[in-house]
Amino acid sequence: MYKKILLSVPLLLILALCGLLLSGLQQDPKKIASALIGKPIPEFYQPDLFESANTLNNRNLPTGIFVLNVWGSWCVYCQQEHPFLMGLAQQGVKIVGLNYRDNRQSALDMLAKRGNPFLLVIDDSKGALALKLGVDGAPETYLLDAHGIIRYRYAGVLNEQVWQQEFMPLITALTEDKP
């Protein structure tokens, strides 16, 4: 009897692990919240993509509500969302770029060829800031309020539908909360 119980414990553990893995497969990775929601953007000191001798930090971030877009020239999905980002910038949306694990010259070439929607571009070729943010991959977009607090994270291609359904209601609420 004792031997049967002892043999069934590993089987039960394996079944429980399989159940956990299956439940994880049903979650939408685009909807996984960041652990940093409601917290300030982590402190950073990173090179400016355009002027590598210049160091950017939290004080260089724009005032007011803005988005932080994690991208790379190597990223096919980032290239797909780039025209949408250009349109947002033309509408006056403040966008900061975080160039993630990229070759600096390739990133500069992409922006020269396709246009630059960013107010500033943080060179994160080693992924240090991305690691602090909990970036899973590119593209990812964060919404930050006027105090530099992360209010939302979206993993995937940013497009008109996502912008209208996910970002605009939050931006409207943040704008209405101003004193």
C-alpha atoms as a PDB file:
ATOM      1  CA  MET A   1       0.000   0.000   0.000  1.00  0.00           C
ATOM      2  CA  TYR A   2       2.758   2.434   0.971  1.00  0.00           C
ATOM      3  CA  LYS A   3       4.604   1.610  -2.263  1.00  0.00           C
ATOM      4  CA  LYS A   4       1.534   2.460  -4.388  1.00  0.00           C
ATOM      5  CA  ILE A   5       1.144   5.850  -2.676  1.00  0.00           C
ATOM      6  CA  LEU A   6       4.837   6.572  -3.116  1.00  0.00           C
ATOM      7  CA  LEU A   7       4.649   5.767  -6.844  1.00  0.00           C
ATOM      8  CA  SER A   8       1.540   7.923  -7.376  1.00  0.00           C
ATOM      9  CA  VAL A   9       3.109  11.140  -5.957  1.00  0.00           C
ATOM     10  CA  PRO A  10       5.373  11.787  -8.993  1.00  0.00           C
ATOM     11  CA  LEU A  11       2.456  11.071 -11.332  1.00  0.00           C
ATOM     12  CA  LEU A  12       0.281  13.609  -9.502  1.00  0.00           C
ATOM     13  CA  LEU A  13       3.074  16.201  -9.650  1.00  0.00           C
ATOM     14  CA  ILE A  14       3.488  15.674 -13.396  1.00  0.00           C
ATOM     15  CA  LEU A  15      -0.266  16.010 -13.959  1.00  0.00           C
ATOM     16  CA  ALA A  16      -0.374  19.218 -11.913  1.00  0.00           C
ATOM     17  CA  LEU A  17       2.538  20.677 -13.876  1.00  0.00           C
ATOM     18  CA  CYS A  18       0.833  19.791 -17.178  1.00  0.00           C
ATOM     19  CA  GLY A  19      -2.332  21.510 -15.976  1.00  0.00           C
ATOM     20  CA  LEU A  20      -0.412  24.684 -15.139  1.00  0.00           C
ATOM     21  CA  LEU A  21       1.314  24.686 -18.512  1.00  0.00           C
ATOM     22  CA  LEU A  22      -1.973  24.196 -20.371  1.00  0.00           C
ATOM     23  CA  SER A  23      -3.631  27.051 -18.499  1.00  0.00           C
ATOM     24  CA  GLY A  24      -0.707  29.328 -19.434  1.00  0.00           C
ATOM     25  CA  LEU A  25      -1.181  28.539 -23.125  1.00  0.00           C
ATOM     26  CA  GLN A  26      -4.681  29.980 -23.020  1.00  0.00           C
ATOM     27  CA  GLN A  27      -3.515  33.429 -21.844  1.00  0.00           C
ATOM     28  CA  ASP A  28      -3.014  36.224 -24.364  1.00  0.00           C
ATOM     29  CA  PRO A  29       0.595  37.459 -24.028  1.00  0.00           C
ATOM     30  CA  LYS A  30      -0.507  40.907 -25.211  1.00  0.00           C
ATOM     31  CA  LYS A  31      -2.684  41.205 -22.113  1.00  0.00           C
ATOM     32  CA  ILE A  32      -0.071  40.210 -19.542  1.00  0.00           C
ATOM     33  CA  ALA A  33       0.370  43.199 -17.260  1.00  0.00           C
ATOM     34  CA  SER A  34       3.776  44.522 -16.361  1.00  0.00           C
ATOM     35  CA  ALA A  35       4.911  44.340 -12.744  1.00  0.00           C
ATOM     36  CA  LEU A  36       5.787  48.025 -13.162  1.00  0.00           C
ATOM     37  CA  ILE A  37       2.242  49.262 -13.768  1.00  0.00           C
ATOM     38  CA  GLY A  38       1.697  52.112 -11.303  1.00  0.00           C
ATOM     39  CA  LYS A  39       5.426  52.542 -10.701  1.00  0.00           C
ATOM     40  CA  PRO A  40       7.888  55.061 -12.130  1.00  0.00           C
ATOM     41  CA  ILE A  41      10.014  54.156 -15.107  1.00  0.00           C
ATOM     42  CA  PRO A  42      13.228  52.628 -13.758  1.00  0.00           C
ATOM     43  CA  GLU A  43      16.205  54.930 -13.450  1.00  0.00           C
ATOM     44  CA  PHE A  44      18.493  54.659 -16.452  1.00  0.00           C
ATOM     45  CA  TYR A  45      21.647  56.110 -17.981  1.00  0.00           C
ATOM     46  CA  GLN A  46      21.841  55.067 -21.634  1.00  0.00           C
ATOM     47  CA  PRO A  47      23.458  56.511 -24.751  1.00  0.00           C
ATOM     48  CA  ASP A  48      21.473  58.649 -27.178  1.00  0.00           C
ATOM     49  CA  LEU A  49      21.121  56.707 -30.448  1.00  0.00           C
ATOM     50  CA  PHE A  50      21.980  59.783 -32.539  1.00  0.00           C
ATOM     51  CA  GLU A  51      24.753  61.179 -30.326  1.00  0.00           C
ATOM     52  CA  SER A  52      26.343  58.188 -28.617  1.00  0.00           C
ATOM     53  CA  ALA A  53      28.593  60.483 -26.560  1.00  0.00           C
ATOM     54  CA  ASN A  54      25.445  61.941 -24.928  1.00  0.00           C
ATOM     55  CA  THR A  55      23.914  60.010 -22.045  1.00  0.00           C
ATOM     56  CA  LEU A  56      20.144  60.055 -21.652  1.00  0.00           C
ATOM     57  CA  ASN A  57      18.420  59.541 -18.327  1.00  0.00           C
ATOM     58  CA  ASN A  58      15.020  60.021 -16.692  1.00  0.00           C
ATOM     59  CA  ARG A  59      15.414  63.804 -16.705  1.00  0.00           C
ATOM     60  CA  ASN A  60      15.486  63.761 -20.532  1.00  0.00           C
ATOM     61  CA  LEU A  61      12.021  62.203 -20.774  1.00  0.00           C
ATOM     62  CA  PRO A  62       9.252  64.473 -22.056  1.00  0.00           C
ATOM     63  CA  THR A  63       6.876  66.281 -19.774  1.00  0.00           C
ATOM     64  CA  GLY A  64       3.258  65.258 -19.992  1.00  0.00           C
ATOM     65  CA  ILE A  65       1.765  61.990 -21.150  1.00  0.00           C
ATOM     66  CA  PHE A  66       3.949  60.022 -23.565  1.00  0.00           C
ATOM     67  CA  VAL A  67       4.549  56.541 -24.911  1.00  0.00           C
ATOM     68  CA  LEU A  68       7.750  54.540 -24.808  1.00  0.00           C
ATOM     69  CA  ASN A  69       8.078  52.258 -27.815  1.00  0.00           C
ATOM     70  CA  VAL A  70      10.510  49.333 -27.714  1.00  0.00           C
ATOM     71  CA  TRP A  71      11.725  48.591 -31.238  1.00  0.00           C
ATOM     72  CA  GLY A  72      14.593  47.259 -33.322  1.00  0.00           C
ATOM     73  CA  SER A  73      15.511  47.527 -36.988  1.00  0.00           C
ATOM     74  CA  TRP A  74      15.814  43.712 -37.017  1.00  0.00           C
ATOM     75  CA  CYS A  75      12.183  43.351 -35.902  1.00  0.00           C
ATOM     76  CA  VAL A  76       9.724  42.691 -38.749  1.00  0.00           C
ATOM     77  CA  TYR A  77       6.743  43.628 -36.571  1.00  0.00           C
ATOM     78  CA  CYS A  78       8.427  46.905 -35.592  1.00  0.00           C
ATOM     79  CA  GLN A  79       8.774  47.735 -39.263  1.00  0.00           C
ATOM     80  CA  GLN A  80       5.044  46.992 -39.705  1.00  0.00           C
ATOM     81  CA  GLU A  81       4.034  49.366 -36.908  1.00  0.00           C
ATOM     82  CA  HIS A  82       6.466  52.135 -37.929  1.00  0.00           C
ATOM     83  CA  PRO A  83       4.051  53.940 -40.322  1.00  0.00           C
ATOM     84  CA  PHE A  84       1.448  54.021 -37.544  1.00  0.00           C
ATOM     85  CA  LEU A  85       3.991  55.551 -35.146  1.00  0.00           C
ATOM     86  CA  MET A  86       4.822  58.159 -37.803  1.00  0.00           C
ATOM     87  CA  GLY A  87       1.112  59.043 -37.965  1.00  0.00           C
ATOM     88  CA  LEU A  88       0.853  59.335 -34.182  1.00  0.00           C
ATOM     89  CA  ALA A  89       3.867  61.639 -34.098  1.00  0.00           C
ATOM     90  CA  GLN A  90       2.276  63.812 -36.798  1.00  0.00           C
ATOM     91  CA  GLN A  91      -0.813  64.056 -34.568  1.00  0.00           C
ATOM     92  CA  GLY A  92       1.349  65.361 -31.729  1.00  0.00           C
ATOM     93  CA  VAL A  93       1.687  62.192 -29.667  1.00  0.00           C
ATOM     94  CA  LYS A  94       4.956  62.243 -27.743  1.00  0.00           C
ATOM     95  CA  ILE A  95       6.893  59.048 -28.461  1.00  0.00           C
ATOM     96  CA  VAL A  96      10.209  58.004 -26.972  1.00  0.00           C
ATOM     97  CA  GLY A  97      12.007  55.170 -28.722  1.00  0.00           C
ATOM     98  CA  LEU A  98      13.911  52.440 -26.934  1.00  0.00           C
ATOM     99  CA  ASN A  99      16.112  50.819 -29.557  1.00  0.00           C
ATOM    100  CA  TYR A 100      16.373  47.282 -28.223  1.00  0.00           C
ATOM    101  CA  ARG A 101      19.333  44.949 -28.805  1.00  0.00           C
ATOM    102  CA  ASP A 102      20.088  46.502 -32.167  1.00  0.00           C
ATOM    103  CA  ASN A 103      23.078  47.474 -34.243  1.00  0.00           C
ATOM    104  CA  ARG A 104      23.336  51.258 -33.920  1.00  0.00           C
ATOM    105  CA  GLN A 105      24.022  51.867 -37.610  1.00  0.00           C
ATOM    106  CA  SER A 106      21.136  49.623 -38.701  1.00  0.00           C
ATOM    107  CA  ALA A 107      18.787  51.555 -36.407  1.00  0.00           C
ATOM    108  CA  LEU A 108      20.017  54.903 -37.739  1.00  0.00           C
ATOM    109  CA  ASP A 109      19.615  53.668 -41.327  1.00  0.00           C
ATOM    110  CA  MET A 110      16.038  52.558 -40.664  1.00  0.00           C
ATOM    111  CA  LEU A 111      15.073  55.924 -39.199  1.00  0.00           C
ATOM    112  CA  ALA A 112      16.799  57.781 -42.052  1.00  0.00           C
ATOM    113  CA  LYS A 113      14.925  55.686 -44.617  1.00  0.00           C
ATOM    114  CA  ARG A 114      11.482  55.430 -42.989  1.00  0.00           C
ATOM    115  CA  GLY A 115      11.346  58.605 -40.895  1.00  0.00           C
ATOM    116  CA  ASN A 116      11.782  59.259 -37.199  1.00  0.00           C
ATOM    117  CA  PRO A 117       8.610  59.411 -35.078  1.00  0.00           C
ATOM    118  CA  PHE A 118      10.576  59.695 -31.814  1.00  0.00           C
ATOM    119  CA  LEU A 119      11.320  62.767 -29.697  1.00  0.00           C
ATOM    120  CA  LEU A 120      14.427  60.948 -28.523  1.00  0.00           C
ATOM    121  CA  VAL A 121      15.817  57.466 -29.007  1.00  0.00           C
ATOM    122  CA  ILE A 122      17.486  55.573 -26.184  1.00  0.00           C
ATOM    123  CA  ASP A 123      20.208  53.203 -27.389  1.00  0.00           C
ATOM    124  CA  ASP A 124      19.654  49.976 -25.462  1.00  0.00           C
ATOM    125  CA  SER A 125      21.895  47.729 -27.541  1.00  0.00           C
ATOM    126  CA  LYS A 126      22.737  45.615 -24.492  1.00  0.00           C
ATOM    127  CA  GLY A 127      19.137  45.408 -23.272  1.00  0.00           C
ATOM    128  CA  ALA A 128      19.840  46.910 -19.827  1.00  0.00           C
ATOM    129  CA  LEU A 129      16.792  49.202 -19.655  1.00  0.00           C
ATOM    130  CA  ALA A 130      14.608  46.630 -21.374  1.00  0.00           C
ATOM    131  CA  LEU A 131      15.540  44.144 -18.671  1.00  0.00           C
ATOM    132  CA  LYS A 132      14.536  46.631 -15.961  1.00  0.00           C
ATOM    133  CA  LEU A 133      11.215  47.183 -17.767  1.00  0.00           C
ATOM    134  CA  GLY A 134      10.565  43.452 -18.103  1.00  0.00           C
ATOM    135  CA  VAL A 135      10.477  43.581 -21.909  1.00  0.00           C
ATOM    136  CA  ASP A 136       9.604  40.217 -23.445  1.00  0.00           C
ATOM    137  CA  GLY A 137      10.472  41.264 -26.998  1.00  0.00           C
ATOM    138  CA  ALA A 138       9.847  43.898 -29.588  1.00  0.00           C
ATOM    139  CA  PRO A 139       7.618  45.663 -30.238  1.00  0.00           C
ATOM    140  CA  GLU A 140       6.253  46.699 -26.869  1.00  0.00           C
ATOM    141  CA  THR A 141       4.686  50.030 -26.010  1.00  0.00           C
ATOM    142  CA  TYR A 142       4.308  51.633 -22.584  1.00  0.00           C
ATOM    143  CA  LEU A 143       2.022  54.523 -21.681  1.00  0.00           C
ATOM    144  CA  LEU A 144       3.496  56.901 -19.102  1.00  0.00           C
ATOM    145  CA  ASP A 145       1.700  59.689 -17.314  1.00  0.00           C
ATOM    146  CA  ALA A 146       2.946  63.226 -16.727  1.00  0.00           C
ATOM    147  CA  HIS A 147       4.864  62.040 -13.637  1.00  0.00           C
ATOM    148  CA  GLY A 148       6.749  59.257 -15.427  1.00  0.00           C
ATOM    149  CA  ILE A 149       4.536  56.541 -13.947  1.00  0.00           C
ATOM    150  CA  ILE A 150       3.906  53.518 -16.161  1.00  0.00           C
ATOM    151  CA  ARG A 151       0.149  53.220 -16.668  1.00  0.00           C
ATOM    152  CA  TYR A 152      -0.094  50.548 -19.363  1.00  0.00           C
ATOM    153  CA  ARG A 153       1.996  48.052 -21.319  1.00  0.00           C
ATOM    154  CA  TYR A 154       1.107  46.544 -24.661  1.00  0.00           C
ATOM    155  CA  ALA A 155       3.135  43.732 -26.245  1.00  0.00           C
ATOM    156  CA  GLY A 156       2.698  43.477 -30.008  1.00  0.00           C
ATOM    157  CA  VAL A 157       2.146  45.644 -33.041  1.00  0.00           C
ATOM    158  CA  LEU A 158       0.562  48.986 -32.239  1.00  0.00           C
ATOM    159  CA  ASN A 159      -2.166  49.862 -34.740  1.00  0.00           C
ATOM    160  CA  GLU A 160      -5.253  52.055 -34.950  1.00  0.00           C
ATOM    161  CA  GLN A 161      -7.550  49.501 -33.314  1.00  0.00           C
ATOM    162  CA  VAL A 162      -5.215  48.898 -30.363  1.00  0.00           C
ATOM    163  CA  TRP A 163      -4.599  52.635 -30.012  1.00  0.00           C
ATOM    164  CA  GLN A 164      -8.319  53.472 -29.938  1.00  0.00           C
ATOM    165  CA  GLN A 165      -9.394  50.577 -27.698  1.00  0.00           C
ATOM    166  CA  GLU A 166      -6.488  50.337 -25.270  1.00  0.00           C
ATOM    167  CA  PHE A 167      -4.564  53.626 -25.183  1.00  0.00           C
ATOM    168  CA  MET A 168      -7.078  56.395 -25.880  1.00  0.00           C
ATOM    169  CA  PRO A 169      -9.412  55.610 -22.969  1.00  0.00           C
ATOM    170  CA  LEU A 170      -6.437  55.694 -20.594  1.00  0.00           C
ATOM    171  CA  ILE A 171      -5.057  58.891 -22.128  1.00  0.00           C
ATOM    172  CA  THR A 172      -8.488  60.508 -21.824  1.00  0.00           C
ATOM    173  CA  ALA A 173      -8.745  59.450 -18.172  1.00  0.00           C
ATOM    174  CA  LEU A 174      -5.235  60.699 -17.408  1.00  0.00           C
ATOM    175  CA  THR A 175      -5.961  64.003 -19.135  1.00  0.00           C
ATOM    176  CA  GLU A 176      -9.213  64.458 -17.200  1.00  0.00           C
ATOM    177  CA  ASP A 177      -7.411  63.753 -13.909  1.00  0.00           C
ATOM    178  CA  LYS A 178      -5.222  66.864 -14.318  1.00  0.00           C
ATOM    179  CA  PRO A 179      -5.839  69.475 -11.615  1.00  0.00           C
END
